[in-house]
């Protein structure tokens, strides 16, 4: 029984972006992880992602600094571009 005979309101959490209303311009934008790229391979970025991808917060800076000291041997540095070209309506 409710004292004021009103049902309690359900509280909706604030969402700046409505997830169900988002439309992606390109399918590749749905997954923003490193491994979603076409050719991640086994180069420098892949090895760094394996090591640093698990680290969060203050520990990330510590691990990154350790890797920069010169004993870290990643792999071959990939120069391939993974950018996405957007079409804007005012550029037509």
PDB file of N, CA and C in Angstrom:
ATOM      1  N   UNK A   1       0.839  -1.183   0.000  1.00  0.00           N
ATOM      2  CA  UNK A   1       0.000   0.000   0.000  1.00  0.00           C
ATOM      3  C   UNK A   1       0.884   1.247   0.000  1.00  0.00           C
ATOM      4  N   UNK A   2       0.504   2.180  -0.809  1.00  0.00           N
ATOM      5  CA  UNK A   2       1.222   3.443  -0.885  1.00  0.00           C
ATOM      6  C   UNK A   2       0.513   4.477  -0.028  1.00  0.00           C
ATOM      7  N   UNK A   3       1.267   5.269   0.678  1.00  0.00           N
ATOM      8  CA  UNK A   3       0.688   6.255   1.592  1.00  0.00           C
ATOM      9  C   UNK A   3      -0.060   7.339   0.817  1.00  0.00           C
ATOM     10  N   UNK A   4       0.558   7.874  -0.229  1.00  0.00           N
ATOM     11  CA  UNK A   4      -0.064   8.949  -1.006  1.00  0.00           C
ATOM     12  C   UNK A   4      -0.868   8.411  -2.176  1.00  0.00           C
ATOM     13  N   UNK A   5      -0.994   7.108  -2.263  1.00  0.00           N
ATOM     14  CA  UNK A   5      -1.705   6.430  -3.348  1.00  0.00           C
ATOM     15  C   UNK A   5      -1.095   6.743  -4.716  1.00  0.00           C
ATOM     16  N   UNK A   6       0.186   7.070  -4.715  1.00  0.00           N
ATOM     17  CA  UNK A   6       0.912   7.275  -5.964  1.00  0.00           C
ATOM     18  C   UNK A   6       1.949   6.175  -6.085  1.00  0.00           C
ATOM     19  N   UNK A   7       2.123   5.711  -7.277  1.00  0.00           N
ATOM     20  CA  UNK A   7       3.158   4.717  -7.517  1.00  0.00           C
ATOM     21  C   UNK A   7       4.516   5.409  -7.492  1.00  0.00           C
ATOM     22  N   UNK A   8       5.526   4.752  -6.972  1.00  0.00           N
ATOM     23  CA  UNK A   8       6.856   5.379  -6.966  1.00  0.00           C
ATOM     24  C   UNK A   8       7.396   5.513  -8.390  1.00  0.00           C
ATOM     25  N   UNK A   9       8.085   6.633  -8.640  1.00  0.00           N
ATOM     26  CA  UNK A   9       8.677   6.870  -9.961  1.00  0.00           C
ATOM     27  C   UNK A   9       9.905   5.988 -10.133  1.00  0.00           C
ATOM     28  N   UNK A  10      10.096   5.532 -11.334  1.00  0.00           N
ATOM     29  CA  UNK A  10      11.348   4.848 -11.634  1.00  0.00           C
ATOM     30  C   UNK A  10      12.346   5.915 -12.067  1.00  0.00           C
ATOM     31  N   UNK A  11      13.532   5.826 -11.564  1.00  0.00           N
ATOM     32  CA  UNK A  11      14.562   6.813 -11.866  1.00  0.00           C
ATOM     33  C   UNK A  11      15.364   6.325 -13.067  1.00  0.00           C
ATOM     34  N   UNK A  12      15.383   7.135 -14.097  1.00  0.00           N
ATOM     35  CA  UNK A  12      16.171   6.815 -15.285  1.00  0.00           C
ATOM     36  C   UNK A  12      17.521   7.503 -15.176  1.00  0.00           C
ATOM     37  N   UNK A  13      18.570   6.750 -15.366  1.00  0.00           N
ATOM     38  CA  UNK A  13      19.914   7.317 -15.313  1.00  0.00           C
ATOM     39  C   UNK A  13      20.124   8.241 -16.504  1.00  0.00           C
ATOM     40  N   UNK A  14      20.869   9.315 -16.286  1.00  0.00           N
ATOM     41  CA  UNK A  14      21.143  10.271 -17.352  1.00  0.00           C
ATOM     42  C   UNK A  14      22.048   9.640 -18.398  1.00  0.00           C
ATOM     43  N   UNK A  15      21.657   9.783 -19.654  1.00  0.00           N
ATOM     44  CA  UNK A  15      22.480   9.314 -20.766  1.00  0.00           C
ATOM     45  C   UNK A  15      22.599  10.446 -21.769  1.00  0.00           C
ATOM     46  N   UNK A  16      23.808  10.901 -21.982  1.00  0.00           N
ATOM     47  CA  UNK A  16      24.026  11.971 -22.949  1.00  0.00           C
ATOM     48  C   UNK A  16      23.746  11.470 -24.369  1.00  0.00           C
ATOM     49  N   UNK A  17      24.119  10.233 -24.640  1.00  0.00           N
ATOM     50  CA  UNK A  17      23.915   9.639 -25.956  1.00  0.00           C
ATOM     51  C   UNK A  17      22.967   8.463 -25.804  1.00  0.00           C
ATOM     52  N   UNK A  18      21.894   8.483 -26.553  1.00  0.00           N
ATOM     53  CA  UNK A  18      20.943   7.372 -26.539  1.00  0.00           C
ATOM     54  C   UNK A  18      21.511   6.254 -27.414  1.00  0.00           C
ATOM     55  N   UNK A  19      21.855   5.149 -26.799  1.00  0.00           N
ATOM     56  CA  UNK A  19      22.557   4.067 -27.491  1.00  0.00           C
ATOM     57  C   UNK A  19      21.716   3.492 -28.625  1.00  0.00           C
ATOM     58  N   UNK A  20      20.414   3.369 -28.424  1.00  0.00           N
ATOM     59  CA  UNK A  20      19.566   2.764 -29.453  1.00  0.00           C
ATOM     60  C   UNK A  20      19.318   3.700 -30.634  1.00  0.00           C
ATOM     61  N   UNK A  21      19.665   4.988 -30.520  1.00  0.00           N
ATOM     62  CA  UNK A  21      19.458   5.932 -31.614  1.00  0.00           C
ATOM     63  C   UNK A  21      20.733   6.213 -32.419  1.00  0.00           C
ATOM     64  N   UNK A  22      21.830   5.588 -32.078  1.00  0.00           N
ATOM     65  CA  UNK A  22      23.105   5.841 -32.750  1.00  0.00           C
ATOM     66  C   UNK A  22      23.129   5.121 -34.092  1.00  0.00           C
ATOM     67  N   UNK A  23      23.529   5.861 -35.136  1.00  0.00           N
ATOM     68  CA  UNK A  23      23.692   5.279 -36.471  1.00  0.00           C
ATOM     69  C   UNK A  23      25.146   5.471 -36.868  1.00  0.00           C
ATOM     70  N   UNK A  24      25.818   4.391 -37.181  1.00  0.00           N
ATOM     71  CA  UNK A  24      27.231   4.451 -37.531  1.00  0.00           C
ATOM     72  C   UNK A  24      27.393   4.756 -39.015  1.00  0.00           C
ATOM     73  N   UNK A  25      28.320   5.655 -39.333  1.00  0.00           N
ATOM     74  CA  UNK A  25      28.593   6.008 -40.723  1.00  0.00           C
ATOM     75  C   UNK A  25      29.358   4.892 -41.423  1.00  0.00           C
ATOM     76  N   UNK A  26      30.073   4.094 -40.661  1.00  0.00           N
ATOM     77  CA  UNK A  26      30.861   2.998 -41.212  1.00  0.00           C
ATOM     78  C   UNK A  26      30.825   1.841 -40.216  1.00  0.00           C
ATOM     79  N   UNK A  27      30.742   0.625 -40.711  1.00  0.00           N
ATOM     80  CA  UNK A  27      30.663  -0.558 -39.844  1.00  0.00           C
ATOM     81  C   UNK A  27      31.894  -0.706 -38.953  1.00  0.00           C
ATOM     82  N   UNK A  28      33.046  -0.219 -39.429  1.00  0.00           N
ATOM     83  CA  UNK A  28      34.288  -0.364 -38.664  1.00  0.00           C
ATOM     84  C   UNK A  28      34.284   0.456 -37.377  1.00  0.00           C
ATOM     85  N   UNK A  29      33.365   1.402 -37.251  1.00  0.00           N
ATOM     86  CA  UNK A  29      33.311   2.255 -36.065  1.00  0.00           C
ATOM     87  C   UNK A  29      32.614   1.584 -34.882  1.00  0.00           C
ATOM     88  N   UNK A  30      31.962   0.451 -35.096  1.00  0.00           N
ATOM     89  CA  UNK A  30      31.233  -0.204 -34.012  1.00  0.00           C
ATOM     90  C   UNK A  30      32.166  -0.813 -32.975  1.00  0.00           C
ATOM     91  N   UNK A  31      33.313  -1.285 -33.395  1.00  0.00           N
ATOM     92  CA  UNK A  31      34.282  -1.865 -32.466  1.00  0.00           C
ATOM     93  C   UNK A  31      35.557  -1.033 -32.536  1.00  0.00           C
ATOM     94  N   UNK A  32      35.878  -0.336 -31.454  1.00  0.00           N
ATOM     95  CA  UNK A  32      37.011   0.583 -31.452  1.00  0.00           C
ATOM     96  C   UNK A  32      38.257  -0.032 -30.817  1.00  0.00           C
ATOM     97  N   UNK A  33      38.295  -1.344 -30.688  1.00  0.00           N
ATOM     98  CA  UNK A  33      39.448  -1.984 -30.068  1.00  0.00           C
ATOM     99  C   UNK A  33      40.587  -2.139 -31.083  1.00  0.00           C
ATOM    100  N   UNK A  34      41.780  -2.363 -30.572  1.00  0.00           N
ATOM    101  CA  UNK A  34      42.945  -2.534 -31.448  1.00  0.00           C
ATOM    102  C   UNK A  34      42.784  -3.771 -32.330  1.00  0.00           C
ATOM    103  N   UNK A  35      42.241  -4.829 -31.773  1.00  0.00           N
ATOM    104  CA  UNK A  35      42.153  -6.095 -32.495  1.00  0.00           C
ATOM    105  C   UNK A  35      41.078  -6.083 -33.571  1.00  0.00           C
ATOM    106  N   UNK A  36      40.249  -5.047 -33.631  1.00  0.00           N
ATOM    107  CA  UNK A  36      39.218  -4.957 -34.659  1.00  0.00           C
ATOM    108  C   UNK A  36      39.780  -4.493 -35.998  1.00  0.00           C
ATOM    109  N   UNK A  37      41.012  -4.026 -36.020  1.00  0.00           N
ATOM    110  CA  UNK A  37      41.627  -3.585 -37.268  1.00  0.00           C
ATOM    111  C   UNK A  37      41.798  -4.763 -38.213  1.00  0.00           C
ATOM    112  N   UNK A  38      41.874  -4.458 -39.509  1.00  0.00           N
ATOM    113  CA  UNK A  38      41.957  -5.505 -40.522  1.00  0.00           C
ATOM    114  C   UNK A  38      43.194  -6.383 -40.357  1.00  0.00           C
ATOM    115  N   UNK A  39      44.358  -5.752 -40.289  1.00  0.00           N
ATOM    116  CA  UNK A  39      45.605  -6.510 -40.274  1.00  0.00           C
ATOM    117  C   UNK A  39      46.428  -6.108 -39.055  1.00  0.00           C
ATOM    118  N   UNK A  40      46.071  -6.631 -37.873  1.00  0.00           N
ATOM    119  CA  UNK A  40      46.814  -6.271 -36.671  1.00  0.00           C
ATOM    120  C   UNK A  40      48.139  -7.002 -36.624  1.00  0.00           C
ATOM    121  N   UNK A  41      48.181  -8.221 -37.110  1.00  0.00           N
ATOM    122  CA  UNK A  41      49.430  -8.958 -37.237  1.00  0.00           C
ATOM    123  C   UNK A  41      50.169  -9.170 -35.941  1.00  0.00           C
ATOM    124  N   UNK A  42      51.494  -9.143 -36.048  1.00  0.00           N
ATOM    125  CA  UNK A  42      52.324  -9.392 -34.872  1.00  0.00           C
ATOM    126  C   UNK A  42      53.423  -8.341 -34.766  1.00  0.00           C
ATOM    127  N   UNK A  43      53.121  -7.116 -35.151  1.00  0.00           N
ATOM    128  CA  UNK A  43      54.126  -6.062 -35.132  1.00  0.00           C
ATOM    129  C   UNK A  43      54.251  -5.388 -33.784  1.00  0.00           C
ATOM    130  N   UNK A  44      54.802  -4.189 -33.815  1.00  0.00           N
ATOM    131  CA  UNK A  44      55.079  -3.412 -32.607  1.00  0.00           C
ATOM    132  C   UNK A  44      53.792  -3.094 -31.850  1.00  0.00           C
ATOM    133  N   UNK A  45      52.760  -2.661 -32.584  1.00  0.00           N
ATOM    134  CA  UNK A  45      51.490  -2.309 -31.951  1.00  0.00           C
ATOM    135  C   UNK A  45      50.811  -3.500 -31.312  1.00  0.00           C
ATOM    136  N   UNK A  46      50.889  -4.668 -31.954  1.00  0.00           N
ATOM    137  CA  UNK A  46      50.259  -5.871 -31.408  1.00  0.00           C
ATOM    138  C   UNK A  46      50.932  -6.297 -30.109  1.00  0.00           C
ATOM    139  N   UNK A  47      52.251  -6.233 -30.083  1.00  0.00           N
ATOM    140  CA  UNK A  47      52.961  -6.626 -28.862  1.00  0.00           C
ATOM    141  C   UNK A  47      52.695  -5.634 -27.736  1.00  0.00           C
ATOM    142  N   UNK A  48      52.665  -4.343 -28.063  1.00  0.00           N
ATOM    143  CA  UNK A  48      52.371  -3.329 -27.049  1.00  0.00           C
ATOM    144  C   UNK A  48      50.953  -3.491 -26.519  1.00  0.00           C
ATOM    145  N   UNK A  49      50.010  -3.833 -27.387  1.00  0.00           N
ATOM    146  CA  UNK A  49      48.628  -4.033 -26.954  1.00  0.00           C
ATOM    147  C   UNK A  49      48.506  -5.231 -26.027  1.00  0.00           C
ATOM    148  N   UNK A  50      49.250  -6.284 -26.310  1.00  0.00           N
ATOM    149  CA  UNK A  50      49.216  -7.462 -25.435  1.00  0.00           C
ATOM    150  C   UNK A  50      49.697  -7.116 -24.031  1.00  0.00           C
ATOM    151  N   UNK A  51      50.753  -6.309 -23.946  1.00  0.00           N
ATOM    152  CA  UNK A  51      51.342  -5.983 -22.646  1.00  0.00           C
ATOM    153  C   UNK A  51      50.564  -4.874 -21.947  1.00  0.00           C
ATOM    154  N   UNK A  52      50.321  -3.773 -22.659  1.00  0.00           N
ATOM    155  CA  UNK A  52      49.721  -2.597 -22.033  1.00  0.00           C
ATOM    156  C   UNK A  52      48.198  -2.604 -22.059  1.00  0.00           C
ATOM    157  N   UNK A  53      47.592  -3.477 -22.831  1.00  0.00           N
ATOM    158  CA  UNK A  53      46.134  -3.518 -22.913  1.00  0.00           C
ATOM    159  C   UNK A  53      45.470  -3.974 -21.638  1.00  0.00           C
ATOM    160  N   UNK A  54      46.191  -4.694 -20.805  1.00  0.00           N
ATOM    161  CA  UNK A  54      45.629  -5.213 -19.558  1.00  0.00           C
ATOM    162  C   UNK A  54      45.800  -4.240 -18.395  1.00  0.00           C
ATOM    163  N   UNK A  55      46.600  -3.193 -18.592  1.00  0.00           N
ATOM    164  CA  UNK A  55      46.975  -2.299 -17.491  1.00  0.00           C
ATOM    165  C   UNK A  55      46.053  -1.084 -17.478  1.00  0.00           C
ATOM    166  N   UNK A  56      45.627  -0.662 -16.280  1.00  0.00           N
ATOM    167  CA  UNK A  56      44.734   0.487 -16.135  1.00  0.00           C
ATOM    168  C   UNK A  56      45.297   1.480 -15.116  1.00  0.00           C
ATOM    169  N   UNK A  57      44.953   2.741 -15.288  1.00  0.00           N
ATOM    170  CA  UNK A  57      45.235   3.767 -14.294  1.00  0.00           C
ATOM    171  C   UNK A  57      46.702   4.096 -14.117  1.00  0.00           C
ATOM    172  N   UNK A  58      47.104   4.268 -12.867  1.00  0.00           N
ATOM    173  CA  UNK A  58      48.471   4.660 -12.524  1.00  0.00           C
ATOM    174  C   UNK A  58      49.475   3.617 -13.004  1.00  0.00           C
ATOM    175  N   UNK A  59      49.093   2.366 -12.971  1.00  0.00           N
ATOM    176  CA  UNK A  59      50.000   1.303 -13.401  1.00  0.00           C
ATOM    177  C   UNK A  59      50.334   1.406 -14.883  1.00  0.00           C
ATOM    178  N   UNK A  60      49.411   1.976 -15.691  1.00  0.00           N
ATOM    179  CA  UNK A  60      49.675   2.116 -17.118  1.00  0.00           C
ATOM    180  C   UNK A  60      50.882   3.017 -17.350  1.00  0.00           C
ATOM    181  N   UNK A  61      50.936   4.146 -16.670  1.00  0.00           N
ATOM    182  CA  UNK A  61      52.061   5.070 -16.836  1.00  0.00           C
ATOM    183  C   UNK A  61      53.364   4.405 -16.415  1.00  0.00           C
ATOM    184  N   UNK A  62      53.312   3.642 -15.343  1.00  0.00           N
ATOM    185  CA  UNK A  62      54.503   2.941 -14.854  1.00  0.00           C
ATOM    186  C   UNK A  62      54.996   1.927 -15.885  1.00  0.00           C
ATOM    187  N   UNK A  63      54.087   1.121 -16.415  1.00  0.00           N
ATOM    188  CA  UNK A  63      54.463   0.105 -17.410  1.00  0.00           C
ATOM    189  C   UNK A  63      54.953   0.755 -18.701  1.00  0.00           C
ATOM    190  N   UNK A  64      54.300   1.824 -19.137  1.00  0.00           N
ATOM    191  CA  UNK A  64      54.704   2.515 -20.359  1.00  0.00           C
ATOM    192  C   UNK A  64      56.120   3.064 -20.224  1.00  0.00           C
ATOM    193  N   UNK A  65      56.430   3.642 -19.074  1.00  0.00           N
ATOM    194  CA  UNK A  65      57.765   4.188 -18.839  1.00  0.00           C
ATOM    195  C   UNK A  65      58.809   3.082 -18.831  1.00  0.00           C
ATOM    196  N   UNK A  66      58.476   1.934 -18.265  1.00  0.00           N
ATOM    197  CA  UNK A  66      59.403   0.802 -18.276  1.00  0.00           C
ATOM    198  C   UNK A  66      59.707   0.363 -19.698  1.00  0.00           C
ATOM    199  N   UNK A  67      58.693   0.360 -20.556  1.00  0.00           N
ATOM    200  CA  UNK A  67      58.884  -0.081 -21.935  1.00  0.00           C
ATOM    201  C   UNK A  67      59.729   0.910 -22.729  1.00  0.00           C
ATOM    202  N   UNK A  68      59.707   2.178 -22.360  1.00  0.00           N
ATOM    203  CA  UNK A  68      60.450   3.202 -23.091  1.00  0.00           C
ATOM    204  C   UNK A  68      61.919   3.254 -22.717  1.00  0.00           C
ATOM    205  N   UNK A  69      62.353   2.501 -21.733  1.00  0.00           N
ATOM    206  CA  UNK A  69      63.736   2.587 -21.260  1.00  0.00           C
ATOM    207  C   UNK A  69      64.747   1.962 -22.217  1.00  0.00           C
ATOM    208  N   UNK A  70      64.316   1.251 -23.221  1.00  0.00           N
ATOM    209  CA  UNK A  70      65.253   0.751 -24.211  1.00  0.00           C
ATOM    210  C   UNK A  70      65.426  -0.749 -24.232  1.00  0.00           C
ATOM    211  N   UNK A  71      64.943  -1.452 -23.232  1.00  0.00           N
ATOM    212  CA  UNK A  71      65.094  -2.905 -23.238  1.00  0.00           C
ATOM    213  C   UNK A  71      63.913  -3.574 -23.920  1.00  0.00           C
ATOM    214  N   UNK A  72      62.899  -2.795 -24.265  1.00  0.00           N
ATOM    215  CA  UNK A  72      61.687  -3.359 -24.873  1.00  0.00           C
ATOM    216  C   UNK A  72      61.907  -3.548 -26.365  1.00  0.00           C
ATOM    217  N   UNK A  73      61.733  -4.746 -26.826  1.00  0.00           N
ATOM    218  CA  UNK A  73      61.845  -5.044 -28.253  1.00  0.00           C
ATOM    219  C   UNK A  73      60.477  -5.472 -28.748  1.00  0.00           C
ATOM    220  N   UNK A  74      59.801  -4.552 -29.389  1.00  0.00           N
ATOM    221  CA  UNK A  74      58.468  -4.836 -29.900  1.00  0.00           C
ATOM    222  C   UNK A  74      58.555  -5.684 -31.146  1.00  0.00           C
ATOM    223  N   UNK A  75      58.169  -5.143 -32.237  1.00  0.00           N
ATOM    224  CA  UNK A  75      58.243  -5.833 -33.506  1.00  0.00           C
ATOM    225  C   UNK A  75      58.461  -4.787 -34.577  1.00  0.00           C
ATOM    226  N   UNK A  76      58.120  -5.131 -35.776  1.00  0.00           N
ATOM    227  CA  UNK A  76      58.246  -4.196 -36.876  1.00  0.00           C
ATOM    228  C   UNK A  76      57.151  -3.132 -36.753  1.00  0.00           C
ATOM    229  N   UNK A  77      57.516  -1.869 -36.962  1.00  0.00           N
ATOM    230  CA  UNK A  77      56.546  -0.782 -36.866  1.00  0.00           C
ATOM    231  C   UNK A  77      55.775  -0.706 -38.171  1.00  0.00           C
ATOM    232  N   UNK A  78      54.449  -0.790 -38.064  1.00  0.00           N
ATOM    233  CA  UNK A  78      53.558  -0.790 -39.216  1.00  0.00           C
ATOM    234  C   UNK A  78      53.244   0.646 -39.619  1.00  0.00           C
ATOM    235  N   UNK A  79      53.431   0.985 -40.877  1.00  0.00           N
ATOM    236  CA  UNK A  79      53.159   2.327 -41.370  1.00  0.00           C
ATOM    237  C   UNK A  79      51.831   2.406 -42.109  1.00  0.00           C
ATOM    238  N   UNK A  80      51.050   1.354 -42.064  1.00  0.00           N
ATOM    239  CA  UNK A  80      49.770   1.314 -42.754  1.00  0.00           C
ATOM    240  C   UNK A  80      48.763   2.223 -42.055  1.00  0.00           C
ATOM    241  N   UNK A  81      47.942   2.912 -42.835  1.00  0.00           N
ATOM    242  CA  UNK A  81      46.922   3.806 -42.286  1.00  0.00           C
ATOM    243  C   UNK A  81      45.600   3.053 -42.160  1.00  0.00           C
ATOM    244  N   UNK A  82      44.924   3.241 -41.040  1.00  0.00           N
ATOM    245  CA  UNK A  82      43.627   2.595 -40.811  1.00  0.00           C
ATOM    246  C   UNK A  82      42.529   3.640 -40.663  1.00  0.00           C
ATOM    247  N   UNK A  83      42.673   4.767 -41.357  1.00  0.00           N
ATOM    248  CA  UNK A  83      41.716   5.862 -41.210  1.00  0.00           C
ATOM    249  C   UNK A  83      40.443   5.595 -42.007  1.00  0.00           C
ATOM    250  N   UNK A  84      39.392   6.313 -41.650  1.00  0.00           N
ATOM    251  CA  UNK A  84      38.090   6.193 -42.304  1.00  0.00           C
ATOM    252  C   UNK A  84      37.729   7.567 -42.852  1.00  0.00           C
ATOM    253  N   UNK A  85      37.391   7.635 -44.130  1.00  0.00           N
ATOM    254  CA  UNK A  85      37.036   8.900 -44.766  1.00  0.00           C
ATOM    255  C   UNK A  85      35.541   9.133 -44.588  1.00  0.00           C
ATOM    256  N   UNK A  86      35.185  10.299 -44.036  1.00  0.00           N
ATOM    257  CA  UNK A  86      33.788  10.658 -43.841  1.00  0.00           C
ATOM    258  C   UNK A  86      33.343  11.617 -44.929  1.00  0.00           C
ATOM    259  N   UNK A  87      32.085  11.494 -45.334  1.00  0.00           N
ATOM    260  CA  UNK A  87      31.497  12.413 -46.299  1.00  0.00           C
ATOM    261  C   UNK A  87      30.632  13.407 -45.540  1.00  0.00           C
ATOM    262  N   UNK A  88      30.934  14.691 -45.684  1.00  0.00           N
ATOM    263  CA  UNK A  88      30.168  15.734 -45.027  1.00  0.00           C
ATOM    264  C   UNK A  88      29.258  16.403 -46.041  1.00  0.00           C
ATOM    265  N   UNK A  89      28.070  16.775 -45.634  1.00  0.00           N
ATOM    266  CA  UNK A  89      27.090  17.344 -46.552  1.00  0.00           C
ATOM    267  C   UNK A  89      27.522  18.714 -47.079  1.00  0.00           C
ATOM    268  N   UNK A  90      28.297  19.489 -46.313  1.00  0.00           N
ATOM    269  CA  UNK A  90      28.709  20.811 -46.773  1.00  0.00           C
ATOM    270  C   UNK A  90      29.912  20.769 -47.711  1.00  0.00           C
ATOM    271  N   UNK A  91      30.478  19.609 -47.978  1.00  0.00           N
ATOM    272  CA  UNK A  91      31.603  19.482 -48.909  1.00  0.00           C
ATOM    273  C   UNK A  91      31.160  19.044 -50.299  1.00  0.00           C
ATOM    274  N   UNK A  92      29.887  18.913 -50.527  1.00  0.00           N
ATOM    275  CA  UNK A  92      29.386  18.417 -51.813  1.00  0.00           C
ATOM    276  C   UNK A  92      29.548  19.424 -52.918  1.00  0.00           C
TER     277      UNK A  92
END
